PDB file of N, CA and C in Angstrom:
ATOM      1  N   MET A   1     171.274 -77.254 133.096  1.00  0.00           N
ATOM      2  CA  MET A   1     170.593 -76.304 133.954  1.00  0.00           C
ATOM      3  C   MET A   1     169.109 -76.636 133.967  1.00  0.00           C
ATOM      4  N   GLU A   2     168.522 -76.633 135.134  1.00  0.00           N
ATOM      5  CA  GLU A   2     167.121 -77.020 135.299  1.00  0.00           C
ATOM      6  C   GLU A   2     166.163 -76.102 134.545  1.00  0.00           C
ATOM      7  N   GLU A   3     166.200 -74.829 134.840  1.00  0.00           N
ATOM      8  CA  GLU A   3     165.263 -73.865 134.267  1.00  0.00           C
ATOM      9  C   GLU A   3     166.040 -72.924 133.369  1.00  0.00           C
ATOM     10  N   GLY A   4     165.614 -72.797 132.125  1.00  0.00           N
ATOM     11  CA  GLY A   4     166.374 -72.023 131.162  1.00  0.00           C
ATOM     12  C   GLY A   4     166.192 -70.528 131.221  1.00  0.00           C
ATOM     13  N   LYS A   5     165.161 -70.056 131.890  1.00  0.00           N
ATOM     14  CA  LYS A   5     164.877 -68.629 131.863  1.00  0.00           C
ATOM     15  C   LYS A   5     165.380 -67.951 133.131  1.00  0.00           C
ATOM     16  N   LEU A   6     165.865 -66.746 132.940  1.00  0.00           N
ATOM     17  CA  LEU A   6     166.249 -65.898 134.059  1.00  0.00           C
ATOM     18  C   LEU A   6     165.344 -64.680 134.062  1.00  0.00           C
ATOM     19  N   GLY A   7     164.946 -64.248 135.251  1.00  0.00           N
ATOM     20  CA  GLY A   7     164.221 -63.001 135.355  1.00  0.00           C
ATOM     21  C   GLY A   7     165.167 -61.846 135.057  1.00  0.00           C
ATOM     22  N   VAL A   8     164.635 -60.664 134.935  1.00  0.00           N
ATOM     23  CA  VAL A   8     165.434 -59.483 134.602  1.00  0.00           C
ATOM     24  C   VAL A   8     166.534 -59.258 135.638  1.00  0.00           C
ATOM     25  N   VAL A   9     166.181 -59.345 136.907  1.00  0.00           N
ATOM     26  CA  VAL A   9     167.156 -59.099 137.969  1.00  0.00           C
ATOM     27  C   VAL A   9     168.183 -60.230 138.019  1.00  0.00           C
ATOM     28  N   GLU A  10     167.710 -61.466 137.869  1.00  0.00           N
ATOM     29  CA  GLU A  10     168.639 -62.600 137.836  1.00  0.00           C
ATOM     30  C   GLU A  10     169.619 -62.476 136.671  1.00  0.00           C
ATOM     31  N   ALA A  11     169.136 -62.007 135.545  1.00  0.00           N
ATOM     32  CA  ALA A  11     170.001 -61.838 134.377  1.00  0.00           C
ATOM     33  C   ALA A  11     171.073 -60.779 134.639  1.00  0.00           C
ATOM     34  N   ARG A  12     170.712 -59.686 135.286  1.00  0.00           N
ATOM     35  CA  ARG A  12     171.707 -58.655 135.623  1.00  0.00           C
ATOM     36  C   ARG A  12     172.746 -59.215 136.586  1.00  0.00           C
ATOM     37  N   PHE A  13     172.300 -59.991 137.550  1.00  0.00           N
ATOM     38  CA  PHE A  13     173.193 -60.626 138.515  1.00  0.00           C
ATOM     39  C   PHE A  13     174.134 -61.603 137.803  1.00  0.00           C
ATOM     40  N   ALA A  14     173.561 -62.445 136.937  1.00  0.00           N
ATOM     41  CA  ALA A  14     174.372 -63.410 136.187  1.00  0.00           C
ATOM     42  C   ALA A  14     175.414 -62.680 135.335  1.00  0.00           C
ATOM     43  N   ASP A  15     175.033 -61.578 134.719  1.00  0.00           N
ATOM     44  CA  ASP A  15     175.983 -60.802 133.915  1.00  0.00           C
ATOM     45  C   ASP A  15     177.156 -60.305 134.763  1.00  0.00           C
ATOM     46  N   LEU A  16     176.879 -59.904 135.986  1.00  0.00           N
ATOM     47  CA  LEU A  16     177.966 -59.474 136.877  1.00  0.00           C
ATOM     48  C   LEU A  16     178.955 -60.611 137.114  1.00  0.00           C
ATOM     49  N   ILE A  17     178.423 -61.795 137.309  1.00  0.00           N
ATOM     50  CA  ILE A  17     179.307 -62.941 137.526  1.00  0.00           C
ATOM     51  C   ILE A  17     180.081 -63.251 136.256  1.00  0.00           C
ATOM     52  N   TRP A  18     179.403 -63.339 135.127  1.00  0.00           N
ATOM     53  CA  TRP A  18     180.092 -63.650 133.873  1.00  0.00           C
ATOM     54  C   TRP A  18     181.189 -62.629 133.563  1.00  0.00           C
ATOM     55  N   LYS A  19     180.933 -61.373 133.813  1.00  0.00           N
ATOM     56  CA  LYS A  19     181.919 -60.323 133.520  1.00  0.00           C
ATOM     57  C   LYS A  19     183.119 -60.360 134.460  1.00  0.00           C
ATOM     58  N   ASN A  20     182.929 -60.873 135.676  1.00  0.00           N
ATOM     59  CA  ASN A  20     183.983 -60.793 136.687  1.00  0.00           C
ATOM     60  C   ASN A  20     184.534 -62.152 137.116  1.00  0.00           C
ATOM     61  N   ALA A  21     184.052 -63.216 136.552  1.00  0.00           N
ATOM     62  CA  ALA A  21     184.440 -64.567 136.984  1.00  0.00           C
ATOM     63  C   ALA A  21     185.886 -64.886 136.635  1.00  0.00           C
ATOM     64  N   PRO A  22     186.517 -65.662 137.476  1.00  0.00           N
ATOM     65  CA  PRO A  22     186.037 -66.069 138.791  1.00  0.00           C
ATOM     66  C   PRO A  22     186.079 -64.883 139.745  1.00  0.00           C
ATOM     67  N   VAL A  23     185.109 -64.849 140.654  1.00  0.00           N
ATOM     68  CA  VAL A  23     184.988 -63.729 141.590  1.00  0.00           C
ATOM     69  C   VAL A  23     184.758 -64.293 142.989  1.00  0.00           C
ATOM     70  N   THR A  24     185.404 -63.694 143.964  1.00  0.00           N
ATOM     71  CA  THR A  24     185.166 -64.138 145.332  1.00  0.00           C
ATOM     72  C   THR A  24     183.763 -63.721 145.741  1.00  0.00           C
ATOM     73  N   SER A  25     183.190 -64.472 146.649  1.00  0.00           N
ATOM     74  CA  SER A  25     181.837 -64.137 147.093  1.00  0.00           C
ATOM     75  C   SER A  25     181.815 -62.767 147.780  1.00  0.00           C
ATOM     76  N   GLY A  26     182.886 -62.418 148.471  1.00  0.00           N
ATOM     77  CA  GLY A  26     182.968 -61.094 149.098  1.00  0.00           C
ATOM     78  C   GLY A  26     182.976 -59.976 148.069  1.00  0.00           C
ATOM     79  N   GLU A  27     183.732 -60.168 147.002  1.00  0.00           N
ATOM     80  CA  GLU A  27     183.761 -59.170 145.929  1.00  0.00           C
ATOM     81  C   GLU A  27     182.407 -59.101 145.226  1.00  0.00           C
ATOM     82  N   LEU A  28     181.753 -60.242 145.069  1.00  0.00           N
ATOM     83  CA  LEU A  28     180.437 -60.273 144.443  1.00  0.00           C
ATOM     84  C   LEU A  28     179.425 -59.478 145.280  1.00  0.00           C
ATOM     85  N   VAL A  29     179.519 -59.590 146.587  1.00  0.00           N
ATOM     86  CA  VAL A  29     178.644 -58.807 147.472  1.00  0.00           C
ATOM     87  C   VAL A  29     178.862 -57.316 147.219  1.00  0.00           C
ATOM     88  N   LYS A  30     180.124 -56.892 147.101  1.00  0.00           N
ATOM     89  CA  LYS A  30     180.434 -55.480 146.839  1.00  0.00           C
ATOM     90  C   LYS A  30     179.908 -55.047 145.475  1.00  0.00           C
ATOM     91  N   LEU A  31     180.088 -55.885 144.463  1.00  0.00           N
ATOM     92  CA  LEU A  31     179.587 -55.563 143.122  1.00  0.00           C
ATOM     93  C   LEU A  31     178.072 -55.405 143.129  1.00  0.00           C
ATOM     94  N   CYS A  32     177.396 -56.314 143.814  1.00  0.00           N
ATOM     95  CA  CYS A  32     175.928 -56.264 143.863  1.00  0.00           C
ATOM     96  C   CYS A  32     175.436 -55.051 144.652  1.00  0.00           C
ATOM     97  N   ALA A  33     176.159 -54.681 145.680  1.00  0.00           N
ATOM     98  CA  ALA A  33     175.783 -53.479 146.440  1.00  0.00           C
ATOM     99  C   ALA A  33     175.897 -52.249 145.548  1.00  0.00           C
ATOM    100  N   ALA A  34     176.970 -52.178 144.773  1.00  0.00           N
ATOM    101  CA  ALA A  34     177.200 -51.017 143.915  1.00  0.00           C
ATOM    102  C   ALA A  34     176.279 -51.003 142.692  1.00  0.00           C
ATOM    103  N   GLU A  35     176.119 -52.152 142.038  1.00  0.00           N
ATOM    104  CA  GLU A  35     175.381 -52.213 140.769  1.00  0.00           C
ATOM    105  C   GLU A  35     173.870 -52.418 140.947  1.00  0.00           C
ATOM    106  N   LEU A  36     173.504 -53.228 141.935  1.00  0.00           N
ATOM    107  CA  LEU A  36     172.103 -53.600 142.091  1.00  0.00           C
ATOM    108  C   LEU A  36     171.452 -53.057 143.363  1.00  0.00           C
ATOM    109  N   LYS A  37     172.287 -52.401 144.208  1.00  0.00           N
ATOM    110  CA  LYS A  37     171.810 -51.869 145.492  1.00  0.00           C
ATOM    111  C   LYS A  37     171.291 -52.978 146.405  1.00  0.00           C
ATOM    112  N   TRP A  38     171.947 -54.145 146.356  1.00  0.00           N
ATOM    113  CA  TRP A  38     171.550 -55.290 147.157  1.00  0.00           C
ATOM    114  C   TRP A  38     172.317 -55.347 148.458  1.00  0.00           C
ATOM    115  N   LYS A  39     171.678 -55.969 149.456  1.00  0.00           N
ATOM    116  CA  LYS A  39     172.341 -56.296 150.705  1.00  0.00           C
ATOM    117  C   LYS A  39     173.032 -57.656 150.531  1.00  0.00           C
ATOM    118  N   LYS A  40     173.933 -57.939 151.439  1.00  0.00           N
ATOM    119  CA  LYS A  40     174.681 -59.198 151.408  1.00  0.00           C
ATOM    120  C   LYS A  40     173.735 -60.398 151.348  1.00  0.00           C
ATOM    121  N   SER A  41     172.693 -60.369 152.160  1.00  0.00           N
ATOM    122  CA  SER A  41     171.771 -61.512 152.223  1.00  0.00           C
ATOM    123  C   SER A  41     171.070 -61.749 150.882  1.00  0.00           C
ATOM    124  N   THR A  42     170.709 -60.686 150.188  1.00  0.00           N
ATOM    125  CA  THR A  42     170.063 -60.823 148.877  1.00  0.00           C
ATOM    126  C   THR A  42     171.022 -61.456 147.884  1.00  0.00           C
ATOM    127  N   THR A  43     172.265 -61.002 147.897  1.00  0.00           N
ATOM    128  CA  THR A  43     173.272 -61.559 146.989  1.00  0.00           C
ATOM    129  C   THR A  43     173.412 -63.053 147.209  1.00  0.00           C
ATOM    130  N   TYR A  44     173.541 -63.458 148.455  1.00  0.00           N
ATOM    131  CA  TYR A  44     173.728 -64.878 148.744  1.00  0.00           C
ATOM    132  C   TYR A  44     172.476 -65.704 148.437  1.00  0.00           C
ATOM    133  N   THR A  45     171.305 -65.128 148.638  1.00  0.00           N
ATOM    134  CA  THR A  45     170.057 -65.839 148.325  1.00  0.00           C
ATOM    135  C   THR A  45     169.949 -66.112 146.826  1.00  0.00           C
ATOM    136  N   VAL A  46     170.199 -65.082 146.015  1.00  0.00           N
ATOM    137  CA  VAL A  46     170.089 -65.246 144.562  1.00  0.00           C
ATOM    138  C   VAL A  46     171.222 -66.130 144.051  1.00  0.00           C
ATOM    139  N   LEU A  47     172.412 -65.985 144.615  1.00  0.00           N
ATOM    140  CA  LEU A  47     173.529 -66.846 144.216  1.00  0.00           C
ATOM    141  C   LEU A  47     173.195 -68.302 144.484  1.00  0.00           C
ATOM    142  N   LYS A  48     172.671 -68.603 145.662  1.00  0.00           N
ATOM    143  CA  LYS A  48     172.320 -69.993 145.988  1.00  0.00           C
ATOM    144  C   LYS A  48     171.281 -70.521 145.010  1.00  0.00           C
ATOM    145  N   LYS A  49     170.299 -69.703 144.690  1.00  0.00           N
ATOM    146  CA  LYS A  49     169.248 -70.118 143.757  1.00  0.00           C
ATOM    147  C   LYS A  49     169.845 -70.484 142.390  1.00  0.00           C
ATOM    148  N   LEU A  50     170.745 -69.640 141.886  1.00  0.00           N
ATOM    149  CA  LEU A  50     171.334 -69.908 140.571  1.00  0.00           C
ATOM    150  C   LEU A  50     172.353 -71.041 140.621  1.00  0.00           C
ATOM    151  N   CYS A  51     172.991 -71.230 141.767  1.00  0.00           N
ATOM    152  CA  CYS A  51     173.880 -72.393 141.936  1.00  0.00           C
ATOM    153  C   CYS A  51     173.051 -73.676 141.957  1.00  0.00           C
ATOM    154  N   ASP A  52     171.921 -73.649 142.660  1.00  0.00           N
ATOM    155  CA  ASP A  52     171.038 -74.813 142.716  1.00  0.00           C
ATOM    156  C   ASP A  52     170.483 -75.165 141.340  1.00  0.00           C
ATOM    157  N   ARG A  53     170.333 -74.169 140.493  1.00  0.00           N
ATOM    158  CA  ARG A  53     169.830 -74.392 139.131  1.00  0.00           C
ATOM    159  C   ARG A  53     170.937 -74.817 138.171  1.00  0.00           C
ATOM    160  N   GLY A  54     172.181 -74.871 138.657  1.00  0.00           N
ATOM    161  CA  GLY A  54     173.277 -75.392 137.846  1.00  0.00           C
ATOM    162  C   GLY A  54     173.953 -74.382 136.942  1.00  0.00           C
ATOM    163  N   LEU A  55     173.754 -73.110 137.195  1.00  0.00           N
ATOM    164  CA  LEU A  55     174.371 -72.086 136.348  1.00  0.00           C
ATOM    165  C   LEU A  55     175.742 -71.669 136.869  1.00  0.00           C
ATOM    166  N   PHE A  56     175.864 -71.586 138.188  1.00  0.00           N
ATOM    167  CA  PHE A  56     177.121 -71.175 138.831  1.00  0.00           C
ATOM    168  C   PHE A  56     177.466 -72.147 139.942  1.00  0.00           C
ATOM    169  N   VAL A  57     178.701 -72.052 140.411  1.00  0.00           N
ATOM    170  CA  VAL A  57     179.136 -72.830 141.563  1.00  0.00           C
ATOM    171  C   VAL A  57     179.920 -71.896 142.475  1.00  0.00           C
ATOM    172  N   ASN A  58     179.750 -72.093 143.785  1.00  0.00           N
ATOM    173  CA  ASN A  58     180.471 -71.315 144.787  1.00  0.00           C
ATOM    174  C   ASN A  58     181.301 -72.312 145.593  1.00  0.00           C
ATOM    175  N   GLU A  59     182.564 -72.418 145.245  1.00  0.00           N
ATOM    176  CA  GLU A  59     183.459 -73.358 145.911  1.00  0.00           C
ATOM    177  C   GLU A  59     184.556 -72.595 146.621  1.00  0.00           C
ATOM    178  N   GLY A  60     184.661 -72.840 147.924  1.00  0.00           N
ATOM    179  CA  GLY A  60     185.711 -72.189 148.695  1.00  0.00           C
ATOM    180  C   GLY A  60     185.642 -70.680 148.655  1.00  0.00           C
ATOM    181  N   GLY A  61     184.445 -70.138 148.509  1.00  0.00           N
ATOM    182  CA  GLY A  61     184.283 -68.687 148.482  1.00  0.00           C
ATOM    183  C   GLY A  61     184.579 -68.050 147.137  1.00  0.00           C
ATOM    184  N   THR A  62     184.774 -68.878 146.110  1.00  0.00           N
ATOM    185  CA  THR A  62     184.992 -68.367 144.754  1.00  0.00           C
ATOM    186  C   THR A  62     183.837 -68.813 143.868  1.00  0.00           C
ATOM    187  N   VAL A  63     183.226 -67.839 143.205  1.00  0.00           N
ATOM    188  CA  VAL A  63     182.081 -68.094 142.340  1.00  0.00           C
ATOM    189  C   VAL A  63     182.570 -68.146 140.904  1.00  0.00           C
ATOM    190  N   ARG A  64     182.145 -69.201 140.215  1.00  0.00           N
ATOM    191  CA  ARG A  64     182.491 -69.318 138.798  1.00  0.00           C
ATOM    192  C   ARG A  64     181.311 -69.917 138.043  1.00  0.00           C
ATOM    193  N   PRO A  65     181.199 -69.610 136.769  1.00  0.00           N
ATOM    194  CA  PRO A  65     180.097 -70.153 135.974  1.00  0.00           C
ATOM    195  C   PRO A  65     180.343 -71.614 135.605  1.00  0.00           C
ATOM    196  N   LEU A  66     179.281 -72.387 135.567  1.00  0.00           N
ATOM    197  CA  LEU A  66     179.346 -73.741 135.032  1.00  0.00           C
ATOM    198  C   LEU A  66     179.051 -73.728 133.539  1.00  0.00           C
ATOM    199  N   LEU A  67     178.356 -72.684 133.098  1.00  0.00           N
ATOM    200  CA  LEU A  67     178.081 -72.445 131.676  1.00  0.00           C
ATOM    201  C   LEU A  67     178.526 -71.029 131.347  1.00  0.00           C
ATOM    202  N   SER A  68     179.147 -70.853 130.196  1.00  0.00           N
ATOM    203  CA  SER A  68     179.458 -69.494 129.751  1.00  0.00           C
ATOM    204  C   SER A  68     178.147 -68.808 129.372  1.00  0.00           C
ATOM    205  N   LYS A  69     178.193 -67.513 129.228  1.00  0.00           N
ATOM    206  CA  LYS A  69     176.996 -66.779 128.824  1.00  0.00           C
ATOM    207  C   LYS A  69     176.520 -67.269 127.456  1.00  0.00           C
ATOM    208  N   ALA A  70     177.450 -67.509 126.540  1.00  0.00           N
ATOM    209  CA  ALA A  70     177.084 -67.997 125.202  1.00  0.00           C
ATOM    210  C   ALA A  70     176.433 -69.378 125.279  1.00  0.00           C
ATOM    211  N   GLU A  71     176.962 -70.256 126.125  1.00  0.00           N
ATOM    212  CA  GLU A  71     176.361 -71.589 126.288  1.00  0.00           C
ATOM    213  C   GLU A  71     174.962 -71.487 126.874  1.00  0.00           C
ATOM    214  N   PHE A  72     174.799 -70.616 127.862  1.00  0.00           N
ATOM    215  CA  PHE A  72     173.492 -70.422 128.468  1.00  0.00           C
ATOM    216  C   PHE A  72     172.492 -69.894 127.437  1.00  0.00           C
ATOM    217  N   GLN A  73     172.907 -68.896 126.658  1.00  0.00           N
ATOM    218  CA  GLN A  73     172.014 -68.335 125.644  1.00  0.00           C
ATOM    219  C   GLN A  73     171.658 -69.375 124.589  1.00  0.00           C
ATOM    220  N   ALA A  74     172.606 -70.235 124.248  1.00  0.00           N
ATOM    221  CA  ALA A  74     172.326 -71.294 123.276  1.00  0.00           C
ATOM    222  C   ALA A  74     171.273 -72.258 123.815  1.00  0.00           C
ATOM    223  N   THR A  75     171.383 -72.637 125.094  1.00  0.00           N
ATOM    224  CA  THR A  75     170.384 -73.547 125.659  1.00  0.00           C
ATOM    225  C   THR A  75     169.016 -72.878 125.733  1.00  0.00           C
ATOM    226  N   GLN A  76     168.985 -71.582 126.052  1.00  0.00           N
ATOM    227  CA  GLN A  76     167.709 -70.853 126.071  1.00  0.00           C
ATOM    228  C   GLN A  76     167.092 -70.836 124.682  1.00  0.00           C
ATOM    229  N   SER A  77     167.903 -70.566 123.679  1.00  0.00           N
ATOM    230  CA  SER A  77     167.408 -70.500 122.301  1.00  0.00           C
ATOM    231  C   SER A  77     166.889 -71.849 121.840  1.00  0.00           C
ATOM    232  N   GLU A  78     167.649 -72.907 122.134  1.00  0.00           N
ATOM    233  CA  GLU A  78     167.213 -74.252 121.755  1.00  0.00           C
ATOM    234  C   GLU A  78     165.882 -74.601 122.415  1.00  0.00           C
ATOM    235  N   ARG A  79     165.754 -74.277 123.695  1.00  0.00           N
ATOM    236  CA  ARG A  79     164.513 -74.573 124.422  1.00  0.00           C
ATOM    237  C   ARG A  79     163.348 -73.774 123.834  1.00  0.00           C
ATOM    238  N   PHE A  80     163.584 -72.503 123.483  1.00  0.00           N
ATOM    239  CA  PHE A  80     162.528 -71.677 122.899  1.00  0.00           C
ATOM    240  C   PHE A  80     162.050 -72.269 121.584  1.00  0.00           C
ATOM    241  N   VAL A  81     162.974 -72.635 120.705  1.00  0.00           N
ATOM    242  CA  VAL A  81     162.595 -73.212 119.408  1.00  0.00           C
ATOM    243  C   VAL A  81     161.867 -74.538 119.622  1.00  0.00           C
ATOM    244  N   GLN A  82     162.340 -75.335 120.564  1.00  0.00           N
ATOM    245  CA  GLN A  82     161.690 -76.613 120.848  1.00  0.00           C
ATOM    246  C   GLN A  82     160.268 -76.395 121.369  1.00  0.00           C
ATOM    247  N   ASP A  83     160.130 -75.532 122.365  1.00  0.00           N
ATOM    248  CA  ASP A  83     158.834 -75.321 123.004  1.00  0.00           C
ATOM    249  C   ASP A  83     157.837 -74.592 122.111  1.00  0.00           C
ATOM    250  N   THR A  84     158.311 -73.663 121.317  1.00  0.00           N
ATOM    251  CA  THR A  84     157.414 -72.801 120.545  1.00  0.00           C
ATOM    252  C   THR A  84     157.176 -73.300 119.124  1.00  0.00           C
ATOM    253  N   PHE A  85     158.185 -73.931 118.532  1.00  0.00           N
ATOM    254  CA  PHE A  85     158.091 -74.341 117.125  1.00  0.00           C
ATOM    255  C   PHE A  85     158.330 -75.838 116.939  1.00  0.00           C
ATOM    256  N   SER A  86     158.086 -76.610 117.991  1.00  0.00           N
ATOM    257  CA  SER A  86     158.286 -78.067 117.958  1.00  0.00           C
ATOM    258  C   SER A  86     159.671 -78.445 117.456  1.00  0.00           C
ATOM    259  N   GLY A  87     160.651 -77.602 117.764  1.00  0.00           N
ATOM    260  CA  GLY A  87     162.029 -77.886 117.395  1.00  0.00           C
ATOM    261  C   GLY A  87     162.389 -77.557 115.958  1.00  0.00           C
ATOM    262  N   SER A  88     161.474 -76.949 115.224  1.00  0.00           N
ATOM    263  CA  SER A  88     161.706 -76.658 113.808  1.00  0.00           C
ATOM    264  C   SER A  88     162.375 -75.296 113.622  1.00  0.00           C
ATOM    265  N   LEU A  89     163.643 -75.318 113.272  1.00  0.00           N
ATOM    266  CA  LEU A  89     164.350 -74.072 113.000  1.00  0.00           C
ATOM    267  C   LEU A  89     163.767 -73.353 111.780  1.00  0.00           C
ATOM    268  N   PRO A  90     163.418 -74.065 110.683  1.00  0.00           N
ATOM    269  CA  PRO A  90     162.772 -73.362 109.564  1.00  0.00           C
ATOM    270  C   PRO A  90     161.465 -72.672 109.967  1.00  0.00           C
ATOM    271  N   ALA A  91     160.671 -73.288 110.839  1.00  0.00           N
ATOM    272  CA  ALA A  91     159.425 -72.646 111.285  1.00  0.00           C
ATOM    273  C   ALA A  91     159.730 -71.391 112.094  1.00  0.00           C
ATOM    274  N   PHE A  92     160.770 -71.441 112.915  1.00  0.00           N
ATOM    275  CA  PHE A  92     161.174 -70.264 113.672  1.00  0.00           C
ATOM    276  C   PHE A  92     161.597 -69.142 112.731  1.00  0.00           C
ATOM    277  N   ILE A  93     162.446 -69.458 111.753  1.00  0.00           N
ATOM    278  CA  ILE A  93     162.929 -68.433 110.811  1.00  0.00           C
ATOM    279  C   ILE A  93     161.770 -67.853 110.011  1.00  0.00           C
ATOM    280  N   ALA A  94     160.831 -68.713 109.603  1.00  0.00           N
ATOM    281  CA  ALA A  94     159.664 -68.230 108.858  1.00  0.00           C
ATOM    282  C   ALA A  94     158.853 -67.257 109.709  1.00  0.00           C
ATOM    283  N   ALA A  95     158.656 -67.589 110.972  1.00  0.00           N
ATOM    284  CA  ALA A  95     157.910 -66.694 111.858  1.00  0.00           C
ATOM    285  C   ALA A  95     158.668 -65.396 112.079  1.00  0.00           C
ATOM    286  N   PHE A  96     159.969 -65.495 112.276  1.00  0.00           N
ATOM    287  CA  PHE A  96     160.798 -64.324 112.532  1.00  0.00           C
ATOM    288  C   PHE A  96     160.787 -63.376 111.336  1.00  0.00           C
ATOM    289  N   THR A  97     160.914 -63.921 110.147  1.00  0.00           N
ATOM    290  CA  THR A  97     161.004 -63.079 108.953  1.00  0.00           C
ATOM    291  C   THR A  97     159.639 -62.660 108.410  1.00  0.00           C
ATOM    292  N   SER A  98     158.549 -63.186 108.968  1.00  0.00           N
ATOM    293  CA  SER A  98     157.224 -62.789 108.480  1.00  0.00           C
ATOM    294  C   SER A  98     156.891 -61.342 108.845  1.00  0.00           C
ATOM    295  N   ARG A  99     157.572 -60.816 109.856  1.00  0.00           N
ATOM    296  CA  ARG A  99     157.303 -59.437 110.290  1.00  0.00           C
ATOM    297  C   ARG A  99     158.507 -58.520 110.114  1.00  0.00           C
ATOM    298  N   ARG A 100     159.615 -59.087 109.693  1.00  0.00           N
ATOM    299  CA  ARG A 100     160.848 -58.303 109.586  1.00  0.00           C
ATOM    300  C   ARG A 100     161.700 -58.884 108.459  1.00  0.00           C
ATOM    301  N   SER A 101     162.045 -58.063 107.502  1.00  0.00           N
ATOM    302  CA  SER A 101     162.894 -58.522 106.410  1.00  0.00           C
ATOM    303  C   SER A 101     164.324 -58.680 106.887  1.00  0.00           C
ATOM    304  N   LEU A 102     165.021 -59.610 106.279  1.00  0.00           N
ATOM    305  CA  LEU A 102     166.444 -59.763 106.565  1.00  0.00           C
ATOM    306  C   LEU A 102     167.231 -58.790 105.696  1.00  0.00           C
ATOM    307  N   SER A 103     168.210 -58.153 106.278  1.00  0.00           N
ATOM    308  CA  SER A 103     169.099 -57.311 105.482  1.00  0.00           C
ATOM    309  C   SER A 103     169.980 -58.225 104.640  1.00  0.00           C
ATOM    310  N   LYS A 104     170.586 -57.676 103.607  1.00  0.00           N
ATOM    311  CA  LYS A 104     171.496 -58.470 102.781  1.00  0.00           C
ATOM    312  C   LYS A 104     172.644 -59.020 103.628  1.00  0.00           C
ATOM    313  N   GLU A 105     173.105 -58.200 104.566  1.00  0.00           N
ATOM    314  CA  GLU A 105     174.207 -58.631 105.443  1.00  0.00           C
ATOM    315  C   GLU A 105     173.790 -59.797 106.324  1.00  0.00           C
ATOM    316  N   ASP A 106     172.590 -59.699 106.916  1.00  0.00           N
ATOM    317  CA  ASP A 106     172.102 -60.799 107.760  1.00  0.00           C
ATOM    318  C   ASP A 106     171.925 -62.073 106.940  1.00  0.00           C
ATOM    319  N   ALA A 107     171.337 -61.944 105.755  1.00  0.00           N
ATOM    320  CA  ALA A 107     171.127 -63.112 104.896  1.00  0.00           C
ATOM    321  C   ALA A 107     172.464 -63.755 104.519  1.00  0.00           C
ATOM    322  N   ALA A 108     173.453 -62.940 104.218  1.00  0.00           N
ATOM    323  CA  ALA A 108     174.779 -63.474 103.862  1.00  0.00           C
ATOM    324  C   ALA A 108     175.416 -64.184 105.053  1.00  0.00           C
ATOM    325  N   ARG A 109     175.271 -63.612 106.232  1.00  0.00           N
ATOM    326  CA  ARG A 109     175.839 -64.245 107.425  1.00  0.00           C
ATOM    327  C   ARG A 109     175.151 -65.573 107.728  1.00  0.00           C
ATOM    328  N   ILE A 110     173.843 -65.626 107.528  1.00  0.00           N
ATOM    329  CA  ILE A 110     173.107 -66.868 107.759  1.00  0.00           C
ATOM    330  C   ILE A 110     173.534 -67.923 106.745  1.00  0.00           C
ATOM    331  N   ARG A 111     173.666 -67.529 105.476  1.00  0.00           N
ATOM    332  CA  ARG A 111     174.134 -68.475 104.450  1.00  0.00           C
ATOM    333  C   ARG A 111     175.512 -69.028 104.801  1.00  0.00           C
ATOM    334  N   ALA A 112     176.403 -68.139 105.247  1.00  0.00           N
ATOM    335  CA  ALA A 112     177.753 -68.570 105.616  1.00  0.00           C
ATOM    336  C   ALA A 112     177.708 -69.546 106.796  1.00  0.00           C
ATOM    337  N   MET A 113     176.838 -69.284 107.757  1.00  0.00           N
ATOM    338  CA  MET A 113     176.698 -70.199 108.895  1.00  0.00           C
ATOM    339  C   MET A 113     176.201 -71.561 108.432  1.00  0.00           C
ATOM    340  N   ILE A 114     175.210 -71.576 107.556  1.00  0.00           N
ATOM    341  CA  ILE A 114     174.666 -72.837 107.045  1.00  0.00           C
ATOM    342  C   ILE A 114     175.751 -73.613 106.313  1.00  0.00           C
ATOM    343  N   GLU A 115     176.499 -72.923 105.460  1.00  0.00           N
ATOM    344  CA  GLU A 115     177.579 -73.584 104.724  1.00  0.00           C
ATOM    345  C   GLU A 115     178.640 -74.146 105.672  1.00  0.00           C
ATOM    346  N   GLN A 116     178.962 -73.387 106.699  1.00  0.00           N
ATOM    347  CA  GLN A 116     179.954 -73.838 107.673  1.00  0.00           C
ATOM    348  C   GLN A 116     179.514 -75.132 108.347  1.00  0.00           C
ATOM    349  N   TYR A 117     178.249 -75.191 108.762  1.00  0.00           N
ATOM    350  CA  TYR A 117     177.753 -76.367 109.466  1.00  0.00           C
ATOM    351  C   TYR A 117     177.516 -77.522 108.517  1.00  0.00           C
ATOM    352  N   GLU A 118     177.190 -77.256 107.253  1.00  0.00           N
ATOM    353  CA  GLU A 118     177.062 -78.334 106.272  1.00  0.00           C
ATOM    354  C   GLU A 118     178.408 -78.982 106.004  1.00  0.00           C
ATOM    355  N   GLU A 119     179.454 -78.174 105.947  1.00  0.00           N
ATOM    356  CA  GLU A 119     180.797 -78.697 105.701  1.00  0.00           C
ATOM    357  C   GLU A 119     181.315 -79.513 106.863  1.00  0.00           C
ATOM    358  N   ALA A 120     180.839 -79.217 108.070  1.00  0.00           N
ATOM    359  CA  ALA A 120     181.314 -79.923 109.256  1.00  0.00           C
ATOM    360  C   ALA A 120     180.793 -81.369 109.294  1.00  0.00           C
ATOM    361  N   ASP A 121     179.724 -81.647 108.596  1.00  0.00           N
ATOM    362  CA  ASP A 121     179.145 -83.012 108.612  1.00  0.00           C
ATOM    363  C   ASP A 121     179.919 -83.975 107.796  1.00  0.00           C
TER     364      ASP A 121
END
């Protein structure tokens, strides 16, 4: 995907697609009218923009994601750590925990994740 960030409205629109995919473009227009108060033209304009950015595809009137929501969030997170902390995950964690303590549960879950990925190597 070209650009990793979605605006607030784009994110709400993307969530509608992820929750309902695959969805016909006609049904998507109805969903957007009900949820976002959009006209048909607005739906198609934003859909084209996100399709051009490589997030969704509209083939034969059916819209489907090219990336799952989890995959998209992972790419956003990776880009944030790269851009903000020169790709250093320890620097990110240090910054994150400098203002907020980790609960015992969070720390245990992080340890388990680290162990899982260490074992995979």
